[in-house]
């Protein structure tokens, strides 16, 4: 339960920061980065069950999501 609470807090902070900085509609790359970071963090936490796994998964997911978003165009 503690891991779920930590993951939920991280996702909420990321969403809040992302929404606070938007004065124009986000690009596909930005959307991909956010979605990838959340999904990667969740997967990293599930697989490795550690803070390092969550952070590593979020970082990897953000990079992959950004590249996918760039390739999809605007």
PDB file of N, CA and C in Angstrom:
ATOM      1  N   UNK A   1       0.814  -1.181   0.000  1.00  0.00           N
ATOM      2  CA  UNK A   1       0.000   0.000   0.000  1.00  0.00           C
ATOM      3  C   UNK A   1       0.863   1.253   0.000  1.00  0.00           C
ATOM      4  N   UNK A   2       2.021   1.186   0.687  1.00  0.00           N
ATOM      5  CA  UNK A   2       2.911   2.339   0.755  1.00  0.00           C
ATOM      6  C   UNK A   2       3.446   2.680  -0.633  1.00  0.00           C
ATOM      7  N   UNK A   3       3.788   1.649  -1.426  1.00  0.00           N
ATOM      8  CA  UNK A   3       4.296   1.885  -2.774  1.00  0.00           C
ATOM      9  C   UNK A   3       3.240   2.545  -3.652  1.00  0.00           C
ATOM     10  N   UNK A   4       2.008   2.144  -3.512  1.00  0.00           N
ATOM     11  CA  UNK A   4       0.929   2.734  -4.294  1.00  0.00           C
ATOM     12  C   UNK A   4       0.748   4.197  -3.912  1.00  0.00           C
ATOM     13  N   UNK A   5       0.849   4.503  -2.645  1.00  0.00           N
ATOM     14  CA  UNK A   5       0.719   5.886  -2.179  1.00  0.00           C
ATOM     15  C   UNK A   5       1.868   6.731  -2.727  1.00  0.00           C
ATOM     16  N   UNK A   6       3.084   6.197  -2.704  1.00  0.00           N
ATOM     17  CA  UNK A   6       4.237   6.918  -3.233  1.00  0.00           C
ATOM     18  C   UNK A   6       4.076   7.160  -4.725  1.00  0.00           C
ATOM     19  N   UNK A   7       3.674   6.152  -5.445  1.00  0.00           N
ATOM     20  CA  UNK A   7       3.490   6.279  -6.887  1.00  0.00           C
ATOM     21  C   UNK A   7       2.385   7.278  -7.201  1.00  0.00           C
ATOM     22  N   UNK A   8       1.313   7.235  -6.454  1.00  0.00           N
ATOM     23  CA  UNK A   8       0.220   8.182  -6.664  1.00  0.00           C
ATOM     24  C   UNK A   8       0.674   9.614  -6.396  1.00  0.00           C
ATOM     25  N   UNK A   9       1.477   9.793  -5.374  1.00  0.00           N
ATOM     26  CA  UNK A   9       1.991  11.129  -5.060  1.00  0.00           C
ATOM     27  C   UNK A   9       2.891  11.635  -6.164  1.00  0.00           C
ATOM     28  N   UNK A  10       3.768  10.794  -6.669  1.00  0.00           N
ATOM     29  CA  UNK A  10       4.660  11.183  -7.764  1.00  0.00           C
ATOM     30  C   UNK A  10       3.851  11.538  -9.005  1.00  0.00           C
ATOM     31  N   UNK A  11       2.855  10.741  -9.329  1.00  0.00           N
ATOM     32  CA  UNK A  11       2.027  11.012 -10.506  1.00  0.00           C
ATOM     33  C   UNK A  11       1.262  12.329 -10.347  1.00  0.00           C
ATOM     34  N   UNK A  12       0.758  12.586  -9.149  1.00  0.00           N
ATOM     35  CA  UNK A  12       0.024  13.832  -8.898  1.00  0.00           C
ATOM     36  C   UNK A  12       0.941  15.039  -9.021  1.00  0.00           C
ATOM     37  N   UNK A  13       2.134  14.951  -8.484  1.00  0.00           N
ATOM     38  CA  UNK A  13       3.085  16.060  -8.589  1.00  0.00           C
ATOM     39  C   UNK A  13       3.464  16.298 -10.038  1.00  0.00           C
ATOM     40  N   UNK A  14       3.725  15.238 -10.787  1.00  0.00           N
ATOM     41  CA  UNK A  14       4.082  15.382 -12.201  1.00  0.00           C
ATOM     42  C   UNK A  14       2.945  16.009 -12.999  1.00  0.00           C
ATOM     43  N   UNK A  15       1.726  15.579 -12.735  1.00  0.00           N
ATOM     44  CA  UNK A  15       0.579  16.139 -13.449  1.00  0.00           C
ATOM     45  C   UNK A  15       0.365  17.604 -13.102  1.00  0.00           C
ATOM     46  N   UNK A  16       0.552  17.942 -11.833  1.00  0.00           N
ATOM     47  CA  UNK A  16       0.380  19.329 -11.399  1.00  0.00           C
ATOM     48  C   UNK A  16       1.421  20.233 -12.040  1.00  0.00           C
ATOM     49  N   UNK A  17       2.670  19.800 -12.021  1.00  0.00           N
ATOM     50  CA  UNK A  17       3.728  20.605 -12.641  1.00  0.00           C
ATOM     51  C   UNK A  17       3.513  20.731 -14.145  1.00  0.00           C
ATOM     52  N   UNK A  18       3.094  19.655 -14.762  1.00  0.00           N
ATOM     53  CA  UNK A  18       2.840  19.692 -16.196  1.00  0.00           C
ATOM     54  C   UNK A  18       1.705  20.625 -16.563  1.00  0.00           C
ATOM     55  N   UNK A  19       0.645  20.613 -15.788  1.00  0.00           N
ATOM     56  CA  UNK A  19      -0.506  21.463 -16.072  1.00  0.00           C
ATOM     57  C   UNK A  19      -0.208  22.928 -15.760  1.00  0.00           C
ATOM     58  N   UNK A  20       0.618  23.167 -14.759  1.00  0.00           N
ATOM     59  CA  UNK A  20       0.923  24.545 -14.358  1.00  0.00           C
ATOM     60  C   UNK A  20       1.748  25.271 -15.415  1.00  0.00           C
ATOM     61  N   UNK A  21       2.535  24.549 -16.188  1.00  0.00           N
ATOM     62  CA  UNK A  21       3.408  25.190 -17.161  1.00  0.00           C
ATOM     63  C   UNK A  21       2.806  25.326 -18.547  1.00  0.00           C
ATOM     64  N   UNK A  22       1.563  24.984 -18.721  1.00  0.00           N
ATOM     65  CA  UNK A  22       0.966  24.987 -20.054  1.00  0.00           C
ATOM     66  C   UNK A  22       0.219  26.285 -20.331  1.00  0.00           C
ATOM     67  N   UNK A  23       0.804  27.121 -21.194  1.00  0.00           N
ATOM     68  CA  UNK A  23       0.076  28.298 -21.645  1.00  0.00           C
ATOM     69  C   UNK A  23      -0.411  28.085 -23.074  1.00  0.00           C
ATOM     70  N   UNK A  24       0.156  27.102 -23.732  1.00  0.00           N
ATOM     71  CA  UNK A  24      -0.270  26.702 -25.068  1.00  0.00           C
ATOM     72  C   UNK A  24      -0.551  25.203 -25.019  1.00  0.00           C
ATOM     73  N   UNK A  25      -1.310  24.705 -25.973  1.00  0.00           N
ATOM     74  CA  UNK A  25      -1.556  23.257 -25.968  1.00  0.00           C
ATOM     75  C   UNK A  25      -0.240  22.475 -26.066  1.00  0.00           C
ATOM     76  N   UNK A  26      -0.126  21.390 -25.341  1.00  0.00           N
ATOM     77  CA  UNK A  26       1.118  20.617 -25.377  1.00  0.00           C
ATOM     78  C   UNK A  26       1.321  19.927 -26.722  1.00  0.00           C
ATOM     79  N   UNK A  27       2.580  19.742 -27.069  1.00  0.00           N
ATOM     80  CA  UNK A  27       2.905  19.015 -28.292  1.00  0.00           C
ATOM     81  C   UNK A  27       2.781  17.524 -28.031  1.00  0.00           C
ATOM     82  N   UNK A  28       2.795  16.750 -29.085  1.00  0.00           N
ATOM     83  CA  UNK A  28       2.745  15.293 -28.922  1.00  0.00           C
ATOM     84  C   UNK A  28       3.961  14.779 -28.155  1.00  0.00           C
ATOM     85  N   UNK A  29       5.115  15.418 -28.364  1.00  0.00           N
ATOM     86  CA  UNK A  29       6.315  15.004 -27.647  1.00  0.00           C
ATOM     87  C   UNK A  29       6.148  15.242 -26.146  1.00  0.00           C
ATOM     88  N   UNK A  30       5.547  16.361 -25.762  1.00  0.00           N
ATOM     89  CA  UNK A  30       5.327  16.646 -24.347  1.00  0.00           C
ATOM     90  C   UNK A  30       4.317  15.667 -23.735  1.00  0.00           C
ATOM     91  N   UNK A  31       3.270  15.394 -24.452  1.00  0.00           N
ATOM     92  CA  UNK A  31       2.279  14.429 -23.964  1.00  0.00           C
ATOM     93  C   UNK A  31       2.924  13.054 -23.815  1.00  0.00           C
ATOM     94  N   UNK A  32       3.686  12.662 -24.817  1.00  0.00           N
ATOM     95  CA  UNK A  32       4.371  11.370 -24.762  1.00  0.00           C
ATOM     96  C   UNK A  32       5.331  11.278 -23.594  1.00  0.00           C
ATOM     97  N   UNK A  33       6.022  12.373 -23.301  1.00  0.00           N
ATOM     98  CA  UNK A  33       6.957  12.389 -22.176  1.00  0.00           C
ATOM     99  C   UNK A  33       6.227  12.164 -20.865  1.00  0.00           C
ATOM    100  N   UNK A  34       5.124  12.876 -20.679  1.00  0.00           N
ATOM    101  CA  UNK A  34       4.358  12.730 -19.434  1.00  0.00           C
ATOM    102  C   UNK A  34       3.754  11.352 -19.263  1.00  0.00           C
ATOM    103  N   UNK A  35       3.122  10.876 -20.312  1.00  0.00           N
ATOM    104  CA  UNK A  35       2.494   9.552 -20.251  1.00  0.00           C
ATOM    105  C   UNK A  35       3.556   8.473 -20.065  1.00  0.00           C
ATOM    106  N   UNK A  36       4.654   8.603 -20.788  1.00  0.00           N
ATOM    107  CA  UNK A  36       5.741   7.629 -20.668  1.00  0.00           C
ATOM    108  C   UNK A  36       6.352   7.604 -19.277  1.00  0.00           C
ATOM    109  N   UNK A  37       6.509   8.789 -18.679  1.00  0.00           N
ATOM    110  CA  UNK A  37       7.091   8.853 -17.338  1.00  0.00           C
ATOM    111  C   UNK A  37       6.192   8.170 -16.309  1.00  0.00           C
ATOM    112  N   UNK A  38       4.902   8.427 -16.388  1.00  0.00           N
ATOM    113  CA  UNK A  38       3.973   7.804 -15.434  1.00  0.00           C
ATOM    114  C   UNK A  38       3.923   6.289 -15.643  1.00  0.00           C
ATOM    115  N   UNK A  39       3.796   5.877 -16.902  1.00  0.00           N
ATOM    116  CA  UNK A  39       3.724   4.435 -17.187  1.00  0.00           C
ATOM    117  C   UNK A  39       5.038   3.737 -16.825  1.00  0.00           C
ATOM    118  N   UNK A  40       6.156   4.362 -17.157  1.00  0.00           N
ATOM    119  CA  UNK A  40       7.453   3.779 -16.831  1.00  0.00           C
ATOM    120  C   UNK A  40       7.685   3.700 -15.336  1.00  0.00           C
ATOM    121  N   UNK A  41       7.261   4.732 -14.604  1.00  0.00           N
ATOM    122  CA  UNK A  41       7.393   4.704 -13.155  1.00  0.00           C
ATOM    123  C   UNK A  41       6.567   3.592 -12.533  1.00  0.00           C
ATOM    124  N   UNK A  42       5.359   3.425 -13.030  1.00  0.00           N
ATOM    125  CA  UNK A  42       4.497   2.354 -12.518  1.00  0.00           C
ATOM    126  C   UNK A  42       5.090   0.980 -12.820  1.00  0.00           C
ATOM    127  N   UNK A  43       5.582   0.817 -14.032  1.00  0.00           N
ATOM    128  CA  UNK A  43       6.174  -0.466 -14.407  1.00  0.00           C
ATOM    129  C   UNK A  43       7.459  -0.733 -13.624  1.00  0.00           C
ATOM    130  N   UNK A  44       8.304   0.295 -13.500  1.00  0.00           N
ATOM    131  CA  UNK A  44       9.547   0.139 -12.741  1.00  0.00           C
ATOM    132  C   UNK A  44       9.286  -0.215 -11.292  1.00  0.00           C
ATOM    133  N   UNK A  45       8.267   0.394 -10.709  1.00  0.00           N
ATOM    134  CA  UNK A  45       7.917   0.086  -9.328  1.00  0.00           C
ATOM    135  C   UNK A  45       7.380  -1.336  -9.199  1.00  0.00           C
ATOM    136  N   UNK A  46       6.569  -1.755 -10.157  1.00  0.00           N
ATOM    137  CA  UNK A  46       6.000  -3.103 -10.104  1.00  0.00           C
ATOM    138  C   UNK A  46       7.072  -4.178 -10.283  1.00  0.00           C
ATOM    139  N   UNK A  47       8.017  -3.920 -11.168  1.00  0.00           N
ATOM    140  CA  UNK A  47       9.040  -4.930 -11.457  1.00  0.00           C
ATOM    141  C   UNK A  47      10.112  -4.974 -10.375  1.00  0.00           C
ATOM    142  N   UNK A  48      10.617  -3.802  -9.978  1.00  0.00           N
ATOM    143  CA  UNK A  48      11.756  -3.765  -9.060  1.00  0.00           C
ATOM    144  C   UNK A  48      11.367  -3.501  -7.608  1.00  0.00           C
ATOM    145  N   UNK A  49      10.146  -3.007  -7.371  1.00  0.00           N
ATOM    146  CA  UNK A  49       9.640  -2.757  -6.023  1.00  0.00           C
ATOM    147  C   UNK A  49      10.612  -1.933  -5.180  1.00  0.00           C
ATOM    148  N   UNK A  50      11.143  -0.869  -5.785  1.00  0.00           N
ATOM    149  CA  UNK A  50      12.057   0.009  -5.069  1.00  0.00           C
ATOM    150  C   UNK A  50      11.951   1.422  -5.634  1.00  0.00           C
ATOM    151  N   UNK A  51      12.450   2.367  -4.867  1.00  0.00           N
ATOM    152  CA  UNK A  51      12.447   3.757  -5.314  1.00  0.00           C
ATOM    153  C   UNK A  51      13.306   3.911  -6.556  1.00  0.00           C
ATOM    154  N   UNK A  52      14.455   3.276  -6.559  1.00  0.00           N
ATOM    155  CA  UNK A  52      15.349   3.361  -7.714  1.00  0.00           C
ATOM    156  C   UNK A  52      14.680   2.790  -8.962  1.00  0.00           C
ATOM    157  N   UNK A  53      13.951   1.704  -8.824  1.00  0.00           N
ATOM    158  CA  UNK A  53      13.225   1.127  -9.960  1.00  0.00           C
ATOM    159  C   UNK A  53      12.156   2.064 -10.479  1.00  0.00           C
ATOM    160  N   UNK A  54      11.462   2.748  -9.563  1.00  0.00           N
ATOM    161  CA  UNK A  54      10.421   3.701  -9.960  1.00  0.00           C
ATOM    162  C   UNK A  54      11.029   4.877 -10.713  1.00  0.00           C
ATOM    163  N   UNK A  55      12.100   5.435 -10.171  1.00  0.00           N
ATOM    164  CA  UNK A  55      12.748   6.586 -10.810  1.00  0.00           C
ATOM    165  C   UNK A  55      13.363   6.187 -12.147  1.00  0.00           C
ATOM    166  N   UNK A  56      14.031   5.054 -12.178  1.00  0.00           N
ATOM    167  CA  UNK A  56      14.622   4.578 -13.436  1.00  0.00           C
ATOM    168  C   UNK A  56      13.565   4.302 -14.489  1.00  0.00           C
ATOM    169  N   UNK A  57      12.475   3.687 -14.081  1.00  0.00           N
ATOM    170  CA  UNK A  57      11.386   3.415 -15.014  1.00  0.00           C
ATOM    171  C   UNK A  57      10.753   4.684 -15.533  1.00  0.00           C
ATOM    172  N   UNK A  58      10.596   5.670 -14.645  1.00  0.00           N
ATOM    173  CA  UNK A  58      10.022   6.953 -15.073  1.00  0.00           C
ATOM    174  C   UNK A  58      10.938   7.658 -16.061  1.00  0.00           C
ATOM    175  N   UNK A  59      12.229   7.631 -15.805  1.00  0.00           N
ATOM    176  CA  UNK A  59      13.183   8.277 -16.710  1.00  0.00           C
ATOM    177  C   UNK A  59      13.186   7.586 -18.076  1.00  0.00           C
ATOM    178  N   UNK A  60      13.244   6.269 -18.065  1.00  0.00           N
ATOM    179  CA  UNK A  60      13.244   5.533 -19.332  1.00  0.00           C
ATOM    180  C   UNK A  60      11.927   5.731 -20.078  1.00  0.00           C
ATOM    181  N   UNK A  61      10.829   5.697 -19.355  1.00  0.00           N
ATOM    182  CA  UNK A  61       9.524   5.903 -19.972  1.00  0.00           C
ATOM    183  C   UNK A  61       9.385   7.293 -20.571  1.00  0.00           C
ATOM    184  N   UNK A  62       9.934   8.296 -19.892  1.00  0.00           N
ATOM    185  CA  UNK A  62       9.870   9.667 -20.406  1.00  0.00           C
ATOM    186  C   UNK A  62      10.631   9.792 -21.722  1.00  0.00           C
ATOM    187  N   UNK A  63      11.804   9.198 -21.792  1.00  0.00           N
ATOM    188  CA  UNK A  63      12.602   9.262 -23.022  1.00  0.00           C
ATOM    189  C   UNK A  63      11.887   8.542 -24.161  1.00  0.00           C
ATOM    190  N   UNK A  64      11.396   7.352 -23.892  1.00  0.00           N
ATOM    191  CA  UNK A  64      10.706   6.581 -24.931  1.00  0.00           C
ATOM    192  C   UNK A  64       9.424   7.286 -25.361  1.00  0.00           C
ATOM    193  N   UNK A  65       8.650   7.782 -24.394  1.00  0.00           N
ATOM    194  CA  UNK A  65       7.417   8.494 -24.713  1.00  0.00           C
ATOM    195  C   UNK A  65       7.672   9.753 -25.525  1.00  0.00           C
ATOM    196  N   UNK A  66       8.750  10.466 -25.206  1.00  0.00           N
ATOM    197  CA  UNK A  66       9.106  11.671 -25.957  1.00  0.00           C
ATOM    198  C   UNK A  66       9.409  11.327 -27.407  1.00  0.00           C
ATOM    199  N   UNK A  67      10.171  10.279 -27.623  1.00  0.00           N
ATOM    200  CA  UNK A  67      10.524   9.902 -29.003  1.00  0.00           C
ATOM    201  C   UNK A  67       9.307   9.438 -29.781  1.00  0.00           C
ATOM    202  N   UNK A  68       8.438   8.693 -29.142  1.00  0.00           N
ATOM    203  CA  UNK A  68       7.217   8.260 -29.822  1.00  0.00           C
ATOM    204  C   UNK A  68       6.352   9.464 -30.172  1.00  0.00           C
ATOM    205  N   UNK A  69       6.237  10.417 -29.240  1.00  0.00           N
ATOM    206  CA  UNK A  69       5.464  11.622 -29.496  1.00  0.00           C
ATOM    207  C   UNK A  69       6.027  12.439 -30.634  1.00  0.00           C
ATOM    208  N   UNK A  70       7.353  12.556 -30.713  1.00  0.00           N
ATOM    209  CA  UNK A  70       7.993  13.282 -31.807  1.00  0.00           C
ATOM    210  C   UNK A  70       7.702  12.628 -33.146  1.00  0.00           C
ATOM    211  N   UNK A  71       7.720  11.307 -33.166  1.00  0.00           N
ATOM    212  CA  UNK A  71       7.500  10.574 -34.414  1.00  0.00           C
ATOM    213  C   UNK A  71       6.052  10.658 -34.881  1.00  0.00           C
ATOM    214  N   UNK A  72       5.130  10.904 -33.977  1.00  0.00           N
ATOM    215  CA  UNK A  72       3.721  11.013 -34.352  1.00  0.00           C
ATOM    216  C   UNK A  72       3.395  12.382 -34.934  1.00  0.00           C
ATOM    217  N   UNK A  73       4.279  13.357 -34.730  1.00  0.00           N
ATOM    218  CA  UNK A  73       4.047  14.696 -35.284  1.00  0.00           C
ATOM    219  C   UNK A  73       3.019  15.459 -34.488  1.00  0.00           C
ATOM    220  N   UNK A  74       2.721  16.687 -34.939  1.00  0.00           N
ATOM    221  CA  UNK A  74       1.752  17.541 -34.238  1.00  0.00           C
ATOM    222  C   UNK A  74       0.466  17.635 -34.973  1.00  0.00           C
TER     223      UNK A  74
END
